[in-house]
Amino acid sequence: MSDRAPSLRSSLASLNLPAEAGEHLAARSALLDGTYREVAARVLAGCARCVTRPPPRTE
């Protein structure tokens, strides 16, 4: 990374990314996990409504 280090640091800085990715990735991972769990809970709640209250027949 010796010759590329200044270029890499400049590129990361232009994207507002830290030079060390660990903390940044951990924060993004936590955000993704929370979002996934929220969406999954909504899907499961929607499925429960479908199973307990089927839509009325239109025939």
N, C-alpha and C. Protein backbone atom coordinates (compact mmCIF):
# COMPACT_ATOMS: atom_id res chain seq x y z
N MET A 1 0.82 -1.19 0.00
CA MET A 1 0.00 0.00 0.00
C MET A 1 0.87 1.25 0.00
N SER A 2 2.16 1.11 -0.09
CA SER A 2 3.07 2.24 0.05
C SER A 2 2.85 3.31 -1.02
N ASP A 3 2.95 2.95 -2.29
CA ASP A 3 2.77 3.95 -3.35
C ASP A 3 1.32 4.35 -3.52
N ARG A 4 0.42 3.43 -3.23
CA ARG A 4 -1.00 3.72 -3.43
C ARG A 4 -1.65 4.36 -2.22
N ALA A 5 -0.97 4.37 -1.09
CA ALA A 5 -1.57 4.86 0.16
C ALA A 5 -2.12 6.27 0.04
N PRO A 6 -1.36 7.25 -0.46
CA PRO A 6 -1.94 8.60 -0.56
C PRO A 6 -3.15 8.64 -1.47
N SER A 7 -3.10 7.92 -2.58
CA SER A 7 -4.22 7.88 -3.50
C SER A 7 -5.44 7.22 -2.86
N LEU A 8 -5.20 6.12 -2.16
CA LEU A 8 -6.29 5.41 -1.48
C LEU A 8 -6.90 6.28 -0.39
N ARG A 9 -6.06 6.91 0.40
CA ARG A 9 -6.57 7.79 1.47
C ARG A 9 -7.39 8.94 0.87
N SER A 10 -6.91 9.48 -0.22
CA SER A 10 -7.63 10.57 -0.89
C SER A 10 -8.98 10.08 -1.41
N SER A 11 -8.99 8.90 -1.99
CA SER A 11 -10.24 8.34 -2.51
C SER A 11 -11.23 8.09 -1.40
N LEU A 12 -10.75 7.50 -0.30
CA LEU A 12 -11.63 7.23 0.84
C LEU A 12 -12.16 8.53 1.43
N ALA A 13 -11.30 9.51 1.55
CA ALA A 13 -11.72 10.80 2.10
C ALA A 13 -12.77 11.46 1.21
N SER A 14 -12.61 11.34 -0.11
CA SER A 14 -13.58 11.97 -1.01
C SER A 14 -14.96 11.31 -0.90
N LEU A 15 -14.98 10.06 -0.44
CA LEU A 15 -16.26 9.35 -0.24
C LEU A 15 -16.74 9.42 1.20
N ASN A 16 -16.03 10.18 2.03
CA ASN A 16 -16.33 10.30 3.46
C ASN A 16 -16.26 8.95 4.16
N LEU A 17 -15.29 8.12 3.77
CA LEU A 17 -15.08 6.81 4.38
C LEU A 17 -13.81 6.85 5.21
N PRO A 18 -13.80 6.16 6.35
CA PRO A 18 -12.60 6.13 7.18
C PRO A 18 -11.52 5.25 6.54
N ALA A 19 -10.27 5.51 6.89
CA ALA A 19 -9.16 4.70 6.37
C ALA A 19 -9.24 3.26 6.90
N GLU A 20 -9.67 3.11 8.14
CA GLU A 20 -9.85 1.78 8.72
C GLU A 20 -11.33 1.42 8.64
N ALA A 21 -11.64 0.32 8.02
CA ALA A 21 -13.03 -0.01 7.71
C ALA A 21 -13.79 -0.70 8.84
N GLY A 22 -13.11 -1.27 9.81
CA GLY A 22 -13.76 -2.10 10.83
C GLY A 22 -14.94 -1.44 11.54
N GLU A 23 -14.70 -0.27 12.09
CA GLU A 23 -15.77 0.41 12.84
C GLU A 23 -16.90 0.83 11.91
N HIS A 24 -16.55 1.32 10.74
CA HIS A 24 -17.55 1.74 9.76
C HIS A 24 -18.42 0.55 9.34
N LEU A 25 -17.78 -0.58 9.05
CA LEU A 25 -18.53 -1.76 8.63
C LEU A 25 -19.40 -2.31 9.76
N ALA A 26 -18.92 -2.24 10.99
CA ALA A 26 -19.71 -2.71 12.13
C ALA A 26 -20.98 -1.86 12.28
N ALA A 27 -20.85 -0.56 12.10
CA ALA A 27 -22.02 0.32 12.21
C ALA A 27 -23.01 0.03 11.09
N ARG A 28 -22.51 -0.16 9.87
CA ARG A 28 -23.40 -0.47 8.74
C ARG A 28 -24.05 -1.83 8.92
N SER A 29 -23.31 -2.77 9.47
CA SER A 29 -23.85 -4.11 9.71
C SER A 29 -24.99 -4.05 10.73
N ALA A 30 -24.81 -3.27 11.78
CA ALA A 30 -25.86 -3.12 12.79
C ALA A 30 -27.10 -2.47 12.19
N LEU A 31 -26.91 -1.46 11.36
CA LEU A 31 -28.04 -0.79 10.70
C LEU A 31 -28.78 -1.75 9.79
N LEU A 32 -28.04 -2.51 9.00
CA LEU A 32 -28.65 -3.49 8.10
C LEU A 32 -29.41 -4.55 8.87
N ASP A 33 -28.83 -5.05 9.96
CA ASP A 33 -29.48 -6.06 10.78
C ASP A 33 -30.80 -5.54 11.36
N GLY A 34 -30.77 -4.33 11.89
CA GLY A 34 -31.98 -3.74 12.46
C GLY A 34 -33.07 -3.54 11.42
N THR A 35 -32.68 -3.08 10.24
CA THR A 35 -33.64 -2.88 9.16
C THR A 35 -34.23 -4.20 8.71
N TYR A 36 -33.38 -5.21 8.56
CA TYR A 36 -33.85 -6.53 8.15
C TYR A 36 -34.86 -7.08 9.16
N ARG A 37 -34.54 -6.97 10.44
CA ARG A 37 -35.45 -7.49 11.48
C ARG A 37 -36.79 -6.75 11.48
N GLU A 38 -36.76 -5.44 11.25
CA GLU A 38 -37.99 -4.66 11.21
C GLU A 38 -38.86 -5.09 10.03
N VAL A 39 -38.26 -5.24 8.87
CA VAL A 39 -39.01 -5.66 7.69
C VAL A 39 -39.55 -7.07 7.86
N ALA A 40 -38.73 -7.97 8.39
CA ALA A 40 -39.17 -9.35 8.61
C ALA A 40 -40.36 -9.39 9.57
N ALA A 41 -40.33 -8.58 10.61
CA ALA A 41 -41.45 -8.54 11.56
C ALA A 41 -42.73 -8.06 10.87
N ARG A 42 -42.60 -7.06 10.00
CA ARG A 42 -43.78 -6.57 9.27
C ARG A 42 -44.34 -7.64 8.34
N VAL A 43 -43.45 -8.36 7.66
CA VAL A 43 -43.89 -9.42 6.75
C VAL A 43 -44.62 -10.51 7.54
N LEU A 44 -44.03 -10.91 8.65
CA LEU A 44 -44.67 -11.95 9.47
C LEU A 44 -46.01 -11.48 10.01
N ALA A 45 -46.10 -10.23 10.41
CA ALA A 45 -47.38 -9.70 10.91
C ALA A 45 -48.41 -9.69 9.79
N GLY A 46 -47.99 -9.34 8.59
CA GLY A 46 -48.90 -9.34 7.45
C GLY A 46 -49.38 -10.74 7.13
N CYS A 47 -48.48 -11.72 7.20
CA CYS A 47 -48.85 -13.11 6.93
C CYS A 47 -49.83 -13.62 7.98
N ALA A 48 -49.63 -13.23 9.22
CA ALA A 48 -50.53 -13.66 10.29
C ALA A 48 -51.93 -13.13 10.05
N ARG A 49 -52.05 -11.90 9.57
CA ARG A 49 -53.38 -11.35 9.27
C ARG A 49 -54.04 -12.13 8.13
N CYS A 50 -53.26 -12.51 7.14
CA CYS A 50 -53.81 -13.25 6.00
C CYS A 50 -54.31 -14.63 6.44
N VAL A 51 -53.59 -15.24 7.35
CA VAL A 51 -53.96 -16.58 7.80
C VAL A 51 -55.18 -16.51 8.73
N THR A 52 -55.24 -15.52 9.59
CA THR A 52 -56.35 -15.44 10.54
C THR A 52 -57.59 -14.79 9.94
N ARG A 53 -57.42 -13.90 8.99
CA ARG A 53 -58.56 -13.24 8.35
C ARG A 53 -58.39 -13.29 6.84
N PRO A 54 -58.87 -14.33 6.19
CA PRO A 54 -58.74 -14.37 4.74
C PRO A 54 -59.58 -13.28 4.08
N PRO A 55 -59.20 -12.84 2.93
CA PRO A 55 -59.98 -11.79 2.26
C PRO A 55 -61.36 -12.33 1.87
N PRO A 56 -62.36 -11.46 1.81
CA PRO A 56 -63.71 -11.92 1.43
C PRO A 56 -63.74 -12.41 -0.01
N ARG A 57 -64.59 -13.35 -0.27
CA ARG A 57 -64.73 -13.86 -1.64
C ARG A 57 -65.47 -12.85 -2.49
N THR A 58 -65.08 -12.79 -3.74
CA THR A 58 -65.71 -11.84 -4.66
C THR A 58 -66.58 -12.55 -5.68
N GLU A 59 -66.84 -13.82 -5.49
CA GLU A 59 -67.64 -14.60 -6.45
C GLU A 59 -69.10 -14.35 -6.30
